[in-house]
Amino acid sequence: MAKTSQERSAKTAKKRVANAEEELRLRVRPGTRQALSDLMEWSGITEQGEAMTLMIHHLHALGSARCKPLFEPPRHNVQISGNVAREFRNKSLLAIQKDPGDEIIDP
């Protein structure tokens, strides 16, 4: 006799408890989702859970010293050009002239 869906669900739940499985949820923005899709395509993996599990295990296998740089978020290096700085200063001076009483303090 075939099992009912309730019996199958109960069996699956029992297995998850026995294996100490835990559900992890992850909300991502489009860029992260695209990166995961690319990784899955390059690897021929069709299941997101499988891809993330493999990534976690492979990173863990690298060890703390080798995987640490991969967890450093990229920082934006902002360089203000001379033209932009000059334009900002000129507009600031105009604003000060329109509202007398402010003092100019050069850095």
C-alpha atoms as a PDB file:
ATOM      1  CA  MET A   1       0.000   0.000   0.000  1.00  0.00           C
ATOM      2  CA  ALA A   2       1.327   3.475  -0.904  1.00  0.00           C
ATOM      3  CA  LYS A   3       2.150   5.906   1.864  1.00  0.00           C
ATOM      4  CA  THR A   4       0.065   9.024   2.320  1.00  0.00           C
ATOM      5  CA  SER A   5       1.647  12.452   2.060  1.00  0.00           C
ATOM      6  CA  GLN A   6       1.330  12.831   5.839  1.00  0.00           C
ATOM      7  CA  GLU A   7       3.275   9.608   6.385  1.00  0.00           C
ATOM      8  CA  ARG A   8       5.987  10.727   3.949  1.00  0.00           C
ATOM      9  CA  SER A   9       6.193  14.141   5.650  1.00  0.00           C
ATOM     10  CA  ALA A  10       6.455  12.530   9.079  1.00  0.00           C
ATOM     11  CA  LYS A  11       9.233  10.207   7.866  1.00  0.00           C
ATOM     12  CA  THR A  12      11.136  13.141   6.311  1.00  0.00           C
ATOM     13  CA  ALA A  13      10.747  15.203   9.492  1.00  0.00           C
ATOM     14  CA  LYS A  14      12.021  12.279  11.574  1.00  0.00           C
ATOM     15  CA  LYS A  15      15.090  11.949   9.300  1.00  0.00           C
ATOM     16  CA  ARG A  16      15.813  15.679   9.592  1.00  0.00           C
ATOM     17  CA  VAL A  17      15.704  15.506  13.388  1.00  0.00           C
ATOM     18  CA  ALA A  18      17.928  12.398  13.403  1.00  0.00           C
ATOM     19  CA  ASN A  19      20.479  14.122  11.146  1.00  0.00           C
ATOM     20  CA  ALA A  20      20.275  17.415  13.095  1.00  0.00           C
ATOM     21  CA  GLU A  21      19.415  19.279   9.899  1.00  0.00           C
ATOM     22  CA  GLU A  22      18.796  23.002  10.165  1.00  0.00           C
ATOM     23  CA  GLU A  23      17.252  25.262   7.561  1.00  0.00           C
ATOM     24  CA  LEU A  24      19.278  28.338   6.667  1.00  0.00           C
ATOM     25  CA  ARG A  25      17.582  31.177   4.817  1.00  0.00           C
ATOM     26  CA  LEU A  26      19.336  33.822   2.809  1.00  0.00           C
ATOM     27  CA  ARG A  27      17.908  36.968   1.267  1.00  0.00           C
ATOM     28  CA  VAL A  28      20.029  38.365  -1.542  1.00  0.00           C
ATOM     29  CA  ARG A  29      19.995  41.240  -3.980  1.00  0.00           C
ATOM     30  CA  PRO A  30      20.033  40.744  -7.748  1.00  0.00           C
ATOM     31  CA  GLY A  31      23.832  40.989  -8.075  1.00  0.00           C
ATOM     32  CA  THR A  32      24.407  38.236  -5.519  1.00  0.00           C
ATOM     33  CA  ARG A  33      21.706  36.096  -7.112  1.00  0.00           C
ATOM     34  CA  GLN A  34      23.365  36.536 -10.517  1.00  0.00           C
ATOM     35  CA  ALA A  35      26.758  35.578  -9.076  1.00  0.00           C
ATOM     36  CA  LEU A  36      25.252  32.384  -7.618  1.00  0.00           C
ATOM     37  CA  SER A  37      23.558  31.608 -10.939  1.00  0.00           C
ATOM     38  CA  ASP A  38      26.871  32.065 -12.767  1.00  0.00           C
ATOM     39  CA  LEU A  39      28.700  29.804 -10.308  1.00  0.00           C
ATOM     40  CA  MET A  40      26.000  27.153 -10.665  1.00  0.00           C
ATOM     41  CA  GLU A  41      26.143  27.344 -14.459  1.00  0.00           C
ATOM     42  CA  TRP A  42      29.947  27.123 -14.552  1.00  0.00           C
ATOM     43  CA  SER A  43      29.848  24.080 -12.282  1.00  0.00           C
ATOM     44  CA  GLY A  44      26.857  22.363 -13.850  1.00  0.00           C
ATOM     45  CA  ILE A  45      24.939  22.452 -10.563  1.00  0.00           C
ATOM     46  CA  THR A  46      21.168  22.871 -10.725  1.00  0.00           C
ATOM     47  CA  GLU A  47      20.244  23.024  -7.025  1.00  0.00           C
ATOM     48  CA  GLN A  48      20.948  26.229  -5.077  1.00  0.00           C
ATOM     49  CA  GLY A  49      21.235  24.346  -1.798  1.00  0.00           C
ATOM     50  CA  GLU A  50      23.823  21.992  -3.258  1.00  0.00           C
ATOM     51  CA  ALA A  51      25.853  24.909  -4.636  1.00  0.00           C
ATOM     52  CA  MET A  52      25.867  26.757  -1.315  1.00  0.00           C
ATOM     53  CA  THR A  53      26.683  23.590   0.644  1.00  0.00           C
ATOM     54  CA  LEU A  54      29.618  22.832  -1.642  1.00  0.00           C
ATOM     55  CA  MET A  55      30.908  26.404  -1.407  1.00  0.00           C
ATOM     56  CA  ILE A  56      30.796  26.295   2.393  1.00  0.00           C
ATOM     57  CA  HIS A  57      32.619  22.960   2.564  1.00  0.00           C
ATOM     58  CA  HIS A  58      35.261  23.970   0.012  1.00  0.00           C
ATOM     59  CA  LEU A  59      35.909  27.263   1.827  1.00  0.00           C
ATOM     60  CA  HIS A  60      36.161  25.416   5.122  1.00  0.00           C
ATOM     61  CA  ALA A  61      38.665  22.985   3.585  1.00  0.00           C
ATOM     62  CA  LEU A  62      40.928  25.928   2.709  1.00  0.00           C
ATOM     63  CA  GLY A  63      41.449  26.628   6.405  1.00  0.00           C
ATOM     64  CA  SER A  64      41.233  29.899   8.286  1.00  0.00           C
ATOM     65  CA  ALA A  65      44.326  31.585   6.826  1.00  0.00           C
ATOM     66  CA  ARG A  66      43.517  30.879   3.167  1.00  0.00           C
ATOM     67  CA  CYS A  67      39.784  31.626   3.307  1.00  0.00           C
ATOM     68  CA  LYS A  68      40.031  34.807   5.412  1.00  0.00           C
ATOM     69  CA  PRO A  69      40.858  37.084   2.417  1.00  0.00           C
ATOM     70  CA  LEU A  70      37.730  35.798   0.660  1.00  0.00           C
ATOM     71  CA  PHE A  71      35.599  37.136   3.509  1.00  0.00           C
ATOM     72  CA  GLU A  72      37.013  40.650   3.459  1.00  0.00           C
ATOM     73  CA  PRO A  73      34.407  42.905   1.858  1.00  0.00           C
ATOM     74  CA  PRO A  74      35.633  45.045  -1.033  1.00  0.00           C
ATOM     75  CA  ARG A  75      36.171  48.657  -0.046  1.00  0.00           C
ATOM     76  CA  HIS A  76      35.573  51.522  -2.417  1.00  0.00           C
ATOM     77  CA  ASN A  77      38.566  53.773  -2.896  1.00  0.00           C
ATOM     78  CA  VAL A  78      37.261  57.264  -3.591  1.00  0.00           C
ATOM     79  CA  GLN A  79      39.690  59.649  -5.267  1.00  0.00           C
ATOM     80  CA  ILE A  80      38.525  63.237  -5.605  1.00  0.00           C
ATOM     81  CA  SER A  81      40.072  64.805  -8.671  1.00  0.00           C
ATOM     82  CA  GLY A  82      41.509  68.305  -8.667  1.00  0.00           C
ATOM     83  CA  ASN A  83      38.729  69.508 -10.978  1.00  0.00           C
ATOM     84  CA  VAL A  84      36.009  68.273  -8.639  1.00  0.00           C
ATOM     85  CA  ALA A  85      37.734  69.753  -5.583  1.00  0.00           C
ATOM     86  CA  ARG A  86      38.161  73.095  -7.346  1.00  0.00           C
ATOM     87  CA  GLU A  87      34.517  73.147  -8.485  1.00  0.00           C
ATOM     88  CA  PHE A  88      33.341  72.302  -4.970  1.00  0.00           C
ATOM     89  CA  ARG A  89      35.483  75.081  -3.494  1.00  0.00           C
ATOM     90  CA  ASN A  90      34.203  77.621  -6.056  1.00  0.00           C
ATOM     91  CA  LYS A  91      30.574  76.737  -5.392  1.00  0.00           C
ATOM     92  CA  SER A  92      31.198  76.850  -1.650  1.00  0.00           C
ATOM     93  CA  LEU A  93      32.685  80.327  -1.980  1.00  0.00           C
ATOM     94  CA  LEU A  94      29.636  81.465  -3.983  1.00  0.00           C
ATOM     95  CA  ALA A  95      27.315  80.124  -1.290  1.00  0.00           C
ATOM     96  CA  ILE A  96      29.305  81.931   1.388  1.00  0.00           C
ATOM     97  CA  GLN A  97      29.159  85.194  -0.577  1.00  0.00           C
ATOM     98  CA  LYS A  98      25.370  84.918  -0.777  1.00  0.00           C
ATOM     99  CA  ASP A  99      25.176  84.484   2.985  1.00  0.00           C
ATOM    100  CA  PRO A 100      27.639  86.959   4.529  1.00  0.00           C
ATOM    101  CA  GLY A 101      28.933  86.357   8.000  1.00  0.00           C
ATOM    102  CA  ASP A 102      30.421  82.941   7.334  1.00  0.00           C
ATOM    103  CA  GLU A 103      34.174  82.718   7.505  1.00  0.00           C
ATOM    104  CA  ILE A 104      36.472  80.875   5.125  1.00  0.00           C
ATOM    105  CA  ILE A 105      38.783  78.493   6.923  1.00  0.00           C
ATOM    106  CA  ASP A 106      41.337  76.876   4.631  1.00  0.00           C
ATOM    107  CA  PRO A 107      42.387  73.391   5.704  1.00  0.00           C
END
